[in-house]
Amino acid sequence: MFAPFSAQNYSVYSFLAGVRSDGSVPSLVPPRGLPIGLSEEVEEEFSLFGKGSHSQSWVTVKELLDFDYEQLLPDGETTYLRRLPQSFFADLSELHKMGKPDSVRVVFWFDN
């Protein structure tokens, strides 16, 4: 199973879910909880590693692709493009290959 955005990076965590955030990287969306209709693979992964987790959420690839990474962060000097690691954009490129962006979603949670 492809596990995008799995490299430990607090800017990515903050962007995806407001986790480990000091406010310098606002989140794309507030945590949404787990979506309805999880794949068997994700259900199994969550049953093994997600119990006791926090900030469960999901985003579509379309939401990620439509975001303006050139916009400035609250510091007024840095863009999301410069703050997020190259691995984030490499993972996004791989996700884009997986199907129609509005029908591919990334489901995630964080351990305690």
PDB file of N, CA and C in Angstrom:
ATOM      1  N   MET A   1       0.851  -1.175   0.000  1.00  0.00           N
ATOM      2  CA  MET A   1       0.000   0.000   0.000  1.00  0.00           C
ATOM      3  C   MET A   1       0.896   1.236   0.000  1.00  0.00           C
ATOM      4  N   PHE A   2       0.618   2.166  -0.885  1.00  0.00           N
ATOM      5  CA  PHE A   2       1.328   3.437  -0.960  1.00  0.00           C
ATOM      6  C   PHE A   2       0.931   4.274   0.252  1.00  0.00           C
ATOM      7  N   ALA A   3       1.907   4.758   0.991  1.00  0.00           N
ATOM      8  CA  ALA A   3       1.642   5.559   2.185  1.00  0.00           C
ATOM      9  C   ALA A   3       2.193   6.971   1.984  1.00  0.00           C
ATOM     10  N   PRO A   4       1.421   7.830   1.318  1.00  0.00           N
ATOM     11  CA  PRO A   4       1.914   9.185   1.068  1.00  0.00           C
ATOM     12  C   PRO A   4       2.035   9.995   2.354  1.00  0.00           C
ATOM     13  N   PHE A   5       2.918  10.956   2.322  1.00  0.00           N
ATOM     14  CA  PHE A   5       3.113  11.901   3.417  1.00  0.00           C
ATOM     15  C   PHE A   5       3.488  11.203   4.730  1.00  0.00           C
ATOM     16  N   SER A   6       4.168  10.065   4.618  1.00  0.00           N
ATOM     17  CA  SER A   6       4.518   9.312   5.818  1.00  0.00           C
ATOM     18  C   SER A   6       5.866   9.722   6.407  1.00  0.00           C
ATOM     19  N   ALA A   7       6.657  10.501   5.668  1.00  0.00           N
ATOM     20  CA  ALA A   7       7.911  11.003   6.230  1.00  0.00           C
ATOM     21  C   ALA A   7       7.571  11.990   7.341  1.00  0.00           C
ATOM     22  N   GLN A   8       8.235  11.867   8.478  1.00  0.00           N
ATOM     23  CA  GLN A   8       7.931  12.742   9.606  1.00  0.00           C
ATOM     24  C   GLN A   8       8.310  14.178   9.266  1.00  0.00           C
ATOM     25  N   ASN A   9       7.301  15.044   9.222  1.00  0.00           N
ATOM     26  CA  ASN A   9       7.525  16.450   8.935  1.00  0.00           C
ATOM     27  C   ASN A   9       6.374  17.248   9.537  1.00  0.00           C
ATOM     28  N   TYR A  10       6.683  18.076  10.503  1.00  0.00           N
ATOM     29  CA  TYR A  10       5.639  18.808  11.214  1.00  0.00           C
ATOM     30  C   TYR A  10       4.925  19.837  10.349  1.00  0.00           C
ATOM     31  N   SER A  11       5.579  20.364   9.330  1.00  0.00           N
ATOM     32  CA  SER A  11       4.893  21.285   8.417  1.00  0.00           C
ATOM     33  C   SER A  11       3.796  20.554   7.646  1.00  0.00           C
ATOM     34  N   VAL A  12       4.076  19.314   7.241  1.00  0.00           N
ATOM     35  CA  VAL A  12       3.066  18.508   6.537  1.00  0.00           C
ATOM     36  C   VAL A  12       1.928  18.166   7.491  1.00  0.00           C
ATOM     37  N   TYR A  13       2.257  17.761   8.711  1.00  0.00           N
ATOM     38  CA  TYR A  13       1.222  17.429   9.694  1.00  0.00           C
ATOM     39  C   TYR A  13       0.323  18.643   9.941  1.00  0.00           C
ATOM     40  N   SER A  14       0.935  19.802  10.065  1.00  0.00           N
ATOM     41  CA  SER A  14       0.175  21.024  10.296  1.00  0.00           C
ATOM     42  C   SER A  14      -0.724  21.347   9.104  1.00  0.00           C
ATOM     43  N   PHE A  15      -0.182  21.208   7.897  1.00  0.00           N
ATOM     44  CA  PHE A  15      -0.952  21.500   6.691  1.00  0.00           C
ATOM     45  C   PHE A  15      -2.125  20.544   6.528  1.00  0.00           C
ATOM     46  N   LEU A  16      -1.918  19.268   6.759  1.00  0.00           N
ATOM     47  CA  LEU A  16      -2.980  18.278   6.565  1.00  0.00           C
ATOM     48  C   LEU A  16      -4.047  18.338   7.651  1.00  0.00           C
ATOM     49  N   ALA A  17      -3.635  18.584   8.905  1.00  0.00           N
ATOM     50  CA  ALA A  17      -4.617  18.425   9.977  1.00  0.00           C
ATOM     51  C   ALA A  17      -4.450  19.377  11.156  1.00  0.00           C
ATOM     52  N   GLY A  18      -3.568  20.335  11.060  1.00  0.00           N
ATOM     53  CA  GLY A  18      -3.359  21.232  12.193  1.00  0.00           C
ATOM     54  C   GLY A  18      -2.654  20.565  13.352  1.00  0.00           C
ATOM     55  N   VAL A  19      -2.001  19.427  13.098  1.00  0.00           N
ATOM     56  CA  VAL A  19      -1.309  18.666  14.138  1.00  0.00           C
ATOM     57  C   VAL A  19       0.122  19.174  14.262  1.00  0.00           C
ATOM     58  N   ARG A  20       0.597  19.274  15.486  1.00  0.00           N
ATOM     59  CA  ARG A  20       1.949  19.778  15.763  1.00  0.00           C
ATOM     60  C   ARG A  20       2.129  21.179  15.193  1.00  0.00           C
ATOM     61  N   SER A  21       1.060  21.926  15.229  1.00  0.00           N
ATOM     62  CA  SER A  21       1.056  23.238  14.602  1.00  0.00           C
ATOM     63  C   SER A  21       1.396  24.326  15.613  1.00  0.00           C
ATOM     64  N   ASP A  22       2.238  25.241  15.174  1.00  0.00           N
ATOM     65  CA  ASP A  22       2.494  26.452  15.958  1.00  0.00           C
ATOM     66  C   ASP A  22       1.792  27.636  15.313  1.00  0.00           C
ATOM     67  N   GLY A  23       0.939  27.338  14.326  1.00  0.00           N
ATOM     68  CA  GLY A  23       0.204  28.380  13.638  1.00  0.00           C
ATOM     69  C   GLY A  23       0.914  28.931  12.413  1.00  0.00           C
ATOM     70  N   SER A  24       2.145  28.484  12.184  1.00  0.00           N
ATOM     71  CA  SER A  24       2.907  29.027  11.060  1.00  0.00           C
ATOM     72  C   SER A  24       2.497  28.402   9.726  1.00  0.00           C
ATOM     73  N   VAL A  25       1.873  27.210   9.776  1.00  0.00           N
ATOM     74  CA  VAL A  25       1.390  26.550   8.558  1.00  0.00           C
ATOM     75  C   VAL A  25      -0.072  26.170   8.785  1.00  0.00           C
ATOM     76  N   PRO A  26      -1.007  27.026   8.377  1.00  0.00           N
ATOM     77  CA  PRO A  26      -2.431  26.719   8.559  1.00  0.00           C
ATOM     78  C   PRO A  26      -2.838  25.443   7.807  1.00  0.00           C
ATOM     79  N   SER A  27      -3.822  24.755   8.360  1.00  0.00           N
ATOM     80  CA  SER A  27      -4.251  23.500   7.751  1.00  0.00           C
ATOM     81  C   SER A  27      -5.168  23.733   6.549  1.00  0.00           C
ATOM     82  N   LEU A  28      -5.115  22.788   5.641  1.00  0.00           N
ATOM     83  CA  LEU A  28      -5.946  22.808   4.437  1.00  0.00           C
ATOM     84  C   LEU A  28      -7.427  22.725   4.802  1.00  0.00           C
ATOM     85  N   VAL A  29      -7.766  21.775   5.660  1.00  0.00           N
ATOM     86  CA  VAL A  29      -9.145  21.584   6.121  1.00  0.00           C
ATOM     87  C   VAL A  29      -9.109  21.185   7.595  1.00  0.00           C
ATOM     88  N   PRO A  30     -10.175  21.464   8.345  1.00  0.00           N
ATOM     89  CA  PRO A  30     -10.222  20.962   9.727  1.00  0.00           C
ATOM     90  C   PRO A  30     -10.368  19.447   9.706  1.00  0.00           C
ATOM     91  N   PRO A  31      -9.926  18.754  10.757  1.00  0.00           N
ATOM     92  CA  PRO A  31     -10.093  17.300  10.790  1.00  0.00           C
ATOM     93  C   PRO A  31     -11.546  16.892  10.540  1.00  0.00           C
ATOM     94  N   ARG A  32     -11.725  15.895   9.689  1.00  0.00           N
ATOM     95  CA  ARG A  32     -13.056  15.463   9.250  1.00  0.00           C
ATOM     96  C   ARG A  32     -13.478  14.126   9.836  1.00  0.00           C
ATOM     97  N   GLY A  33     -12.604  13.469  10.537  1.00  0.00           N
ATOM     98  CA  GLY A  33     -12.885  12.113  10.987  1.00  0.00           C
ATOM     99  C   GLY A  33     -12.649  11.136   9.846  1.00  0.00           C
ATOM    100  N   LEU A  34     -12.858   9.878  10.119  1.00  0.00           N
ATOM    101  CA  LEU A  34     -12.695   8.873   9.072  1.00  0.00           C
ATOM    102  C   LEU A  34     -13.865   8.947   8.100  1.00  0.00           C
ATOM    103  N   PRO A  35     -13.602   8.785   6.821  1.00  0.00           N
ATOM    104  CA  PRO A  35     -14.695   8.841   5.847  1.00  0.00           C
ATOM    105  C   PRO A  35     -15.525   7.569   5.863  1.00  0.00           C
ATOM    106  N   ILE A  36     -16.719   7.665   5.347  1.00  0.00           N
ATOM    107  CA  ILE A  36     -17.565   6.495   5.146  1.00  0.00           C
ATOM    108  C   ILE A  36     -17.016   5.731   3.947  1.00  0.00           C
ATOM    109  N   GLY A  37     -17.071   4.426   4.005  1.00  0.00           N
ATOM    110  CA  GLY A  37     -16.641   3.612   2.871  1.00  0.00           C
ATOM    111  C   GLY A  37     -15.142   3.407   2.793  1.00  0.00           C
ATOM    112  N   LEU A  38     -14.499   3.161   3.936  1.00  0.00           N
ATOM    113  CA  LEU A  38     -13.073   2.872   3.924  1.00  0.00           C
ATOM    114  C   LEU A  38     -12.802   1.590   3.143  1.00  0.00           C
ATOM    115  N   SER A  39     -11.687   1.550   2.474  1.00  0.00           N
ATOM    116  CA  SER A  39     -11.294   0.305   1.815  1.00  0.00           C
ATOM    117  C   SER A  39     -10.944  -0.718   2.903  1.00  0.00           C
ATOM    118  N   GLU A  40     -10.977  -1.986   2.541  1.00  0.00           N
ATOM    119  CA  GLU A  40     -10.618  -3.038   3.499  1.00  0.00           C
ATOM    120  C   GLU A  40      -9.199  -2.834   4.000  1.00  0.00           C
ATOM    121  N   GLU A  41      -8.331  -2.420   3.111  1.00  0.00           N
ATOM    122  CA  GLU A  41      -6.929  -2.209   3.451  1.00  0.00           C
ATOM    123  C   GLU A  41      -6.773  -1.117   4.523  1.00  0.00           C
ATOM    124  N   VAL A  42      -7.482  -0.013   4.357  1.00  0.00           N
ATOM    125  CA  VAL A  42      -7.391   1.082   5.318  1.00  0.00           C
ATOM    126  C   VAL A  42      -8.087   0.686   6.621  1.00  0.00           C
ATOM    127  N   GLU A  43      -9.214  -0.009   6.530  1.00  0.00           N
ATOM    128  CA  GLU A  43      -9.895  -0.476   7.743  1.00  0.00           C
ATOM    129  C   GLU A  43      -8.974  -1.369   8.567  1.00  0.00           C
ATOM    130  N   GLU A  44      -8.275  -2.280   7.897  1.00  0.00           N
ATOM    131  CA  GLU A  44      -7.356  -3.182   8.595  1.00  0.00           C
ATOM    132  C   GLU A  44      -6.212  -2.396   9.225  1.00  0.00           C
ATOM    133  N   GLU A  45      -5.657  -1.459   8.488  1.00  0.00           N
ATOM    134  CA  GLU A  45      -4.558  -0.632   9.000  1.00  0.00           C
ATOM    135  C   GLU A  45      -5.012   0.163  10.226  1.00  0.00           C
ATOM    136  N   PHE A  46      -6.211   0.728  10.152  1.00  0.00           N
ATOM    137  CA  PHE A  46      -6.728   1.497  11.277  1.00  0.00           C
ATOM    138  C   PHE A  46      -6.980   0.593  12.482  1.00  0.00           C
ATOM    139  N   SER A  47      -7.499  -0.609  12.251  1.00  0.00           N
ATOM    140  CA  SER A  47      -7.767  -1.517  13.381  1.00  0.00           C
ATOM    141  C   SER A  47      -6.467  -1.935  14.064  1.00  0.00           C
ATOM    142  N   LEU A  48      -5.375  -1.986  13.319  1.00  0.00           N
ATOM    143  CA  LEU A  48      -4.084  -2.366  13.892  1.00  0.00           C
ATOM    144  C   LEU A  48      -3.358  -1.194  14.551  1.00  0.00           C
ATOM    145  N   PHE A  49      -3.374  -0.045  13.910  1.00  0.00           N
ATOM    146  CA  PHE A  49      -2.531   1.061  14.355  1.00  0.00           C
ATOM    147  C   PHE A  49      -3.283   2.337  14.709  1.00  0.00           C
ATOM    148  N   GLY A  50      -4.553   2.397  14.399  1.00  0.00           N
ATOM    149  CA  GLY A  50      -5.281   3.640  14.592  1.00  0.00           C
ATOM    150  C   GLY A  50      -6.055   3.754  15.880  1.00  0.00           C
ATOM    151  N   LYS A  51      -6.264   2.661  16.567  1.00  0.00           N
ATOM    152  CA  LYS A  51      -6.981   2.726  17.841  1.00  0.00           C
ATOM    153  C   LYS A  51      -6.181   3.621  18.789  1.00  0.00           C
ATOM    154  N   GLY A  52      -6.844   4.578  19.391  1.00  0.00           N
ATOM    155  CA  GLY A  52      -6.156   5.502  20.285  1.00  0.00           C
ATOM    156  C   GLY A  52      -5.462   6.632  19.540  1.00  0.00           C
ATOM    157  N   SER A  53      -5.674   6.713  18.244  1.00  0.00           N
ATOM    158  CA  SER A  53      -5.071   7.787  17.462  1.00  0.00           C
ATOM    159  C   SER A  53      -5.893   9.060  17.618  1.00  0.00           C
ATOM    160  N   HIS A  54      -5.439  10.115  16.980  1.00  0.00           N
ATOM    161  CA  HIS A  54      -6.173  11.376  17.021  1.00  0.00           C
ATOM    162  C   HIS A  54      -6.131  12.051  15.653  1.00  0.00           C
ATOM    163  N   SER A  55      -6.968  13.024  15.481  1.00  0.00           N
ATOM    164  CA  SER A  55      -7.014  13.858  14.276  1.00  0.00           C
ATOM    165  C   SER A  55      -7.224  13.051  12.999  1.00  0.00           C
ATOM    166  N   GLN A  56      -8.080  12.039  13.064  1.00  0.00           N
ATOM    167  CA  GLN A  56      -8.407  11.261  11.873  1.00  0.00           C
ATOM    168  C   GLN A  56      -9.052  12.185  10.850  1.00  0.00           C
ATOM    169  N   SER A  57      -8.642  12.045   9.601  1.00  0.00           N
ATOM    170  CA  SER A  57      -9.189  12.906   8.572  1.00  0.00           C
ATOM    171  C   SER A  57      -8.882  12.334   7.197  1.00  0.00           C
ATOM    172  N   TRP A  58      -9.273  13.091   6.197  1.00  0.00           N
ATOM    173  CA  TRP A  58      -9.019  12.695   4.813  1.00  0.00           C
ATOM    174  C   TRP A  58      -9.100  13.934   3.926  1.00  0.00           C
ATOM    175  N   VAL A  59      -8.429  13.854   2.793  1.00  0.00           N
ATOM    176  CA  VAL A  59      -8.500  14.892   1.759  1.00  0.00           C
ATOM    177  C   VAL A  59      -8.501  14.194   0.407  1.00  0.00           C
ATOM    178  N   THR A  60      -9.100  14.831  -0.569  1.00  0.00           N
ATOM    179  CA  THR A  60      -9.031  14.287  -1.923  1.00  0.00           C
ATOM    180  C   THR A  60      -7.785  14.836  -2.609  1.00  0.00           C
ATOM    181  N   VAL A  61      -7.342  14.121  -3.606  1.00  0.00           N
ATOM    182  CA  VAL A  61      -6.210  14.590  -4.391  1.00  0.00           C
ATOM    183  C   VAL A  61      -6.589  15.894  -5.091  1.00  0.00           C
ATOM    184  N   LYS A  62      -7.842  16.021  -5.480  1.00  0.00           N
ATOM    185  CA  LYS A  62      -8.294  17.266  -6.109  1.00  0.00           C
ATOM    186  C   LYS A  62      -8.092  18.457  -5.170  1.00  0.00           C
ATOM    187  N   GLU A  63      -8.463  18.291  -3.905  1.00  0.00           N
ATOM    188  CA  GLU A  63      -8.259  19.381  -2.937  1.00  0.00           C
ATOM    189  C   GLU A  63      -6.782  19.749  -2.840  1.00  0.00           C
ATOM    190  N   LEU A  64      -5.934  18.736  -2.834  1.00  0.00           N
ATOM    191  CA  LEU A  64      -4.494  18.982  -2.748  1.00  0.00           C
ATOM    192  C   LEU A  64      -3.955  19.651  -4.008  1.00  0.00           C
ATOM    193  N   LEU A  65      -4.441  19.216  -5.154  1.00  0.00           N
ATOM    194  CA  LEU A  65      -3.972  19.789  -6.418  1.00  0.00           C
ATOM    195  C   LEU A  65      -4.500  21.212  -6.626  1.00  0.00           C
ATOM    196  N   ASP A  66      -5.704  21.489  -6.150  1.00  0.00           N
ATOM    197  CA  ASP A  66      -6.316  22.800  -6.349  1.00  0.00           C
ATOM    198  C   ASP A  66      -5.762  23.876  -5.414  1.00  0.00           C
ATOM    199  N   PHE A  67      -5.075  23.464  -4.374  1.00  0.00           N
ATOM    200  CA  PHE A  67      -4.563  24.424  -3.396  1.00  0.00           C
ATOM    201  C   PHE A  67      -3.469  25.299  -4.018  1.00  0.00           C
ATOM    202  N   ASP A  68      -3.451  26.568  -3.666  1.00  0.00           N
ATOM    203  CA  ASP A  68      -2.434  27.504  -4.161  1.00  0.00           C
ATOM    204  C   ASP A  68      -1.231  27.499  -3.221  1.00  0.00           C
ATOM    205  N   TYR A  69      -0.230  26.714  -3.567  1.00  0.00           N
ATOM    206  CA  TYR A  69       0.965  26.579  -2.734  1.00  0.00           C
ATOM    207  C   TYR A  69       1.872  27.804  -2.819  1.00  0.00           C
ATOM    208  N   GLU A  70       1.568  28.710  -3.727  1.00  0.00           N
ATOM    209  CA  GLU A  70       2.349  29.948  -3.862  1.00  0.00           C
ATOM    210  C   GLU A  70       1.886  31.033  -2.885  1.00  0.00           C
ATOM    211  N   GLN A  71       0.748  30.808  -2.212  1.00  0.00           N
ATOM    212  CA  GLN A  71       0.275  31.829  -1.289  1.00  0.00           C
ATOM    213  C   GLN A  71       1.188  31.920  -0.072  1.00  0.00           C
ATOM    214  N   LEU A  72       1.229  33.105   0.487  1.00  0.00           N
ATOM    215  CA  LEU A  72       2.096  33.345   1.633  1.00  0.00           C
ATOM    216  C   LEU A  72       1.527  32.742   2.907  1.00  0.00           C
ATOM    217  N   LEU A  73       2.402  32.284   3.742  1.00  0.00           N
ATOM    218  CA  LEU A  73       2.042  31.828   5.079  1.00  0.00           C
ATOM    219  C   LEU A  73       1.847  33.050   5.973  1.00  0.00           C
ATOM    220  N   PRO A  74       1.345  32.863   7.190  1.00  0.00           N
ATOM    221  CA  PRO A  74       1.103  34.005   8.072  1.00  0.00           C
ATOM    222  C   PRO A  74       2.330  34.884   8.337  1.00  0.00           C
ATOM    223  N   ASP A  75       3.525  34.344   8.175  1.00  0.00           N
ATOM    224  CA  ASP A  75       4.709  35.178   8.410  1.00  0.00           C
ATOM    225  C   ASP A  75       4.875  36.251   7.338  1.00  0.00           C
ATOM    226  N   GLY A  76       4.102  36.123   6.225  1.00  0.00           N
ATOM    227  CA  GLY A  76       4.142  37.115   5.169  1.00  0.00           C
ATOM    228  C   GLY A  76       5.365  37.052   4.275  1.00  0.00           C
ATOM    229  N   GLU A  77       6.216  36.054   4.496  1.00  0.00           N
ATOM    230  CA  GLU A  77       7.462  35.968   3.733  1.00  0.00           C
ATOM    231  C   GLU A  77       7.659  34.640   3.018  1.00  0.00           C
ATOM    232  N   THR A  78       7.101  33.583   3.573  1.00  0.00           N
ATOM    233  CA  THR A  78       7.323  32.233   3.065  1.00  0.00           C
ATOM    234  C   THR A  78       6.047  31.687   2.454  1.00  0.00           C
ATOM    235  N   THR A  79       6.186  30.905   1.391  1.00  0.00           N
ATOM    236  CA  THR A  79       5.024  30.251   0.774  1.00  0.00           C
ATOM    237  C   THR A  79       4.944  28.802   1.255  1.00  0.00           C
ATOM    238  N   TYR A  80       3.785  28.211   1.052  1.00  0.00           N
ATOM    239  CA  TYR A  80       3.628  26.783   1.336  1.00  0.00           C
ATOM    240  C   TYR A  80       4.623  25.982   0.502  1.00  0.00           C
ATOM    241  N   LEU A  81       4.819  26.415  -0.736  1.00  0.00           N
ATOM    242  CA  LEU A  81       5.739  25.723  -1.640  1.00  0.00           C
ATOM    243  C   LEU A  81       7.136  25.634  -1.042  1.00  0.00           C
ATOM    244  N   ARG A  82       7.554  26.678  -0.380  1.00  0.00           N
ATOM    245  CA  ARG A  82       8.898  26.684   0.212  1.00  0.00           C
ATOM    246  C   ARG A  82       8.933  25.988   1.568  1.00  0.00           C
ATOM    247  N   ARG A  83       7.806  25.967   2.285  1.00  0.00           N
ATOM    248  CA  ARG A  83       7.798  25.380   3.623  1.00  0.00           C
ATOM    249  C   ARG A  83       7.592  23.870   3.604  1.00  0.00           C
ATOM    250  N   LEU A  84       6.758  23.380   2.681  1.00  0.00           N
ATOM    251  CA  LEU A  84       6.519  21.940   2.609  1.00  0.00           C
ATOM    252  C   LEU A  84       7.712  21.268   1.922  1.00  0.00           C
ATOM    253  N   PRO A  85       8.086  20.069   2.379  1.00  0.00           N
ATOM    254  CA  PRO A  85       9.257  19.396   1.805  1.00  0.00           C
ATOM    255  C   PRO A  85       8.993  18.877   0.390  1.00  0.00           C
ATOM    256  N   GLN A  86      10.047  18.686  -0.335  1.00  0.00           N
ATOM    257  CA  GLN A  86       9.937  18.164  -1.703  1.00  0.00           C
ATOM    258  C   GLN A  86       9.239  16.808  -1.716  1.00  0.00           C
ATOM    259  N   SER A  87       9.423  16.019  -0.662  1.00  0.00           N
ATOM    260  CA  SER A  87       8.773  14.700  -0.597  1.00  0.00           C
ATOM    261  C   SER A  87       7.246  14.827  -0.631  1.00  0.00           C
ATOM    262  N   PHE A  88       6.705  15.912  -0.086  1.00  0.00           N
ATOM    263  CA  PHE A  88       5.258  16.144  -0.131  1.00  0.00           C
ATOM    264  C   PHE A  88       4.795  16.235  -1.579  1.00  0.00           C
ATOM    265  N   PHE A  89       5.506  17.004  -2.379  1.00  0.00           N
ATOM    266  CA  PHE A  89       5.122  17.198  -3.779  1.00  0.00           C
ATOM    267  C   PHE A  89       5.402  15.956  -4.624  1.00  0.00           C
ATOM    268  N   ALA A  90       6.416  15.185  -4.256  1.00  0.00           N
ATOM    269  CA  ALA A  90       6.676  13.912  -4.944  1.00  0.00           C
ATOM    270  C   ALA A  90       5.528  12.942  -4.666  1.00  0.00           C
ATOM    271  N   ASP A  91       5.068  12.883  -3.407  1.00  0.00           N
ATOM    272  CA  ASP A  91       3.931  12.026  -3.066  1.00  0.00           C
ATOM    273  C   ASP A  91       2.668  12.493  -3.783  1.00  0.00           C
ATOM    274  N   LEU A  92       2.463  13.797  -3.854  1.00  0.00           N
ATOM    275  CA  LEU A  92       1.295  14.339  -4.544  1.00  0.00           C
ATOM    276  C   LEU A  92       1.322  13.961  -6.023  1.00  0.00           C
ATOM    277  N   SER A  93       2.481  13.973  -6.619  1.00  0.00           N
ATOM    278  CA  SER A  93       2.619  13.567  -8.021  1.00  0.00           C
ATOM    279  C   SER A  93       2.228  12.100  -8.202  1.00  0.00           C
ATOM    280  N   GLU A  94       2.654  11.248  -7.279  1.00  0.00           N
ATOM    281  CA  GLU A  94       2.289   9.833  -7.352  1.00  0.00           C
ATOM    282  C   GLU A  94       0.790   9.641  -7.158  1.00  0.00           C
ATOM    283  N   LEU A  95       0.202  10.377  -6.235  1.00  0.00           N
ATOM    284  CA  LEU A  95      -1.243  10.283  -6.008  1.00  0.00           C
ATOM    285  C   LEU A  95      -2.026  10.699  -7.243  1.00  0.00           C
ATOM    286  N   HIS A  96      -1.526  11.673  -7.951  1.00  0.00           N
ATOM    287  CA  HIS A  96      -2.204  12.169  -9.150  1.00  0.00           C
ATOM    288  C   HIS A  96      -2.301  11.083 -10.228  1.00  0.00           C
ATOM    289  N   LYS A  97      -1.395  10.132 -10.200  1.00  0.00           N
ATOM    290  CA  LYS A  97      -1.372   9.039 -11.173  1.00  0.00           C
ATOM    291  C   LYS A  97      -2.357   7.921 -10.832  1.00  0.00           C
ATOM    292  N   MET A  98      -2.969   7.980  -9.653  1.00  0.00           N
ATOM    293  CA  MET A  98      -3.782   6.869  -9.164  1.00  0.00           C
ATOM    294  C   MET A  98      -5.227   6.882  -9.661  1.00  0.00           C
ATOM    295  N   GLY A  99      -5.646   7.949 -10.300  1.00  0.00           N
ATOM    296  CA  GLY A  99      -7.021   8.010 -10.778  1.00  0.00           C
ATOM    297  C   GLY A  99      -7.499   9.436 -10.841  1.00  0.00           C
ATOM    298  N   LYS A 100      -8.798   9.588 -11.048  1.00  0.00           N
ATOM    299  CA  LYS A 100      -9.389  10.921 -11.117  1.00  0.00           C
ATOM    300  C   LYS A 100      -9.188  11.614  -9.774  1.00  0.00           C
ATOM    301  N   PRO A 101      -8.634  12.830  -9.773  1.00  0.00           N
ATOM    302  CA  PRO A 101      -8.319  13.509  -8.517  1.00  0.00           C
ATOM    303  C   PRO A 101      -9.484  13.665  -7.549  1.00  0.00           C
ATOM    304  N   ASP A 102     -10.700  13.781  -8.054  1.00  0.00           N
ATOM    305  CA  ASP A 102     -11.831  13.926  -7.139  1.00  0.00           C
ATOM    306  C   ASP A 102     -12.317  12.590  -6.585  1.00  0.00           C
ATOM    307  N   SER A 103     -11.757  11.475  -7.077  1.00  0.00           N
ATOM    308  CA  SER A 103     -12.168  10.166  -6.555  1.00  0.00           C
ATOM    309  C   SER A 103     -11.040   9.442  -5.815  1.00  0.00           C
ATOM    310  N   VAL A 104      -9.874  10.071  -5.717  1.00  0.00           N
ATOM    311  CA  VAL A 104      -8.768   9.498  -4.945  1.00  0.00           C
ATOM    312  C   VAL A 104      -8.637  10.318  -3.666  1.00  0.00           C
ATOM    313  N   ARG A 105      -8.639   9.626  -2.539  1.00  0.00           N
ATOM    314  CA  ARG A 105      -8.513  10.342  -1.276  1.00  0.00           C
ATOM    315  C   ARG A 105      -7.382   9.758  -0.451  1.00  0.00           C
ATOM    316  N   VAL A 106      -6.856  10.593   0.409  1.00  0.00           N
ATOM    317  CA  VAL A 106      -5.819  10.195   1.362  1.00  0.00           C
ATOM    318  C   VAL A 106      -6.468  10.200   2.730  1.00  0.00           C
ATOM    319  N   VAL A 107      -6.434   9.059   3.401  1.00  0.00           N
ATOM    320  CA  VAL A 107      -6.993   8.918   4.744  1.00  0.00           C
ATOM    321  C   VAL A 107      -5.818   8.843   5.708  1.00  0.00           C
ATOM    322  N   PHE A 108      -5.891   9.601   6.795  1.00  0.00           N
ATOM    323  CA  PHE A 108      -4.765   9.621   7.724  1.00  0.00           C
ATOM    324  C   PHE A 108      -5.220   9.832   9.147  1.00  0.00           C
ATOM    325  N   TRP A 109      -4.317   9.520  10.064  1.00  0.00           N
ATOM    326  CA  TRP A 109      -4.501   9.739  11.491  1.00  0.00           C
ATOM    327  C   TRP A 109      -3.121   9.823  12.095  1.00  0.00           C
ATOM    328  N   PHE A 110      -3.058  10.223  13.348  1.00  0.00           N
ATOM    329  CA  PHE A 110      -1.791  10.414  14.020  1.00  0.00           C
ATOM    330  C   PHE A 110      -1.792   9.636  15.323  1.00  0.00           C
ATOM    331  N   ASP A 111      -0.646   9.035  15.631  1.00  0.00           N
ATOM    332  CA  ASP A 111      -0.576   8.267  16.881  1.00  0.00           C
ATOM    333  C   ASP A 111      -0.278   9.205  18.044  1.00  0.00           C
ATOM    334  N   ASN A 112      -0.571   8.710  19.233  1.00  0.00           N
ATOM    335  CA  ASN A 112      -0.347   9.516  20.453  1.00  0.00           C
ATOM    336  C   ASN A 112       1.056   9.363  20.962  1.00  0.00           C
TER     337      ASN A 112
END
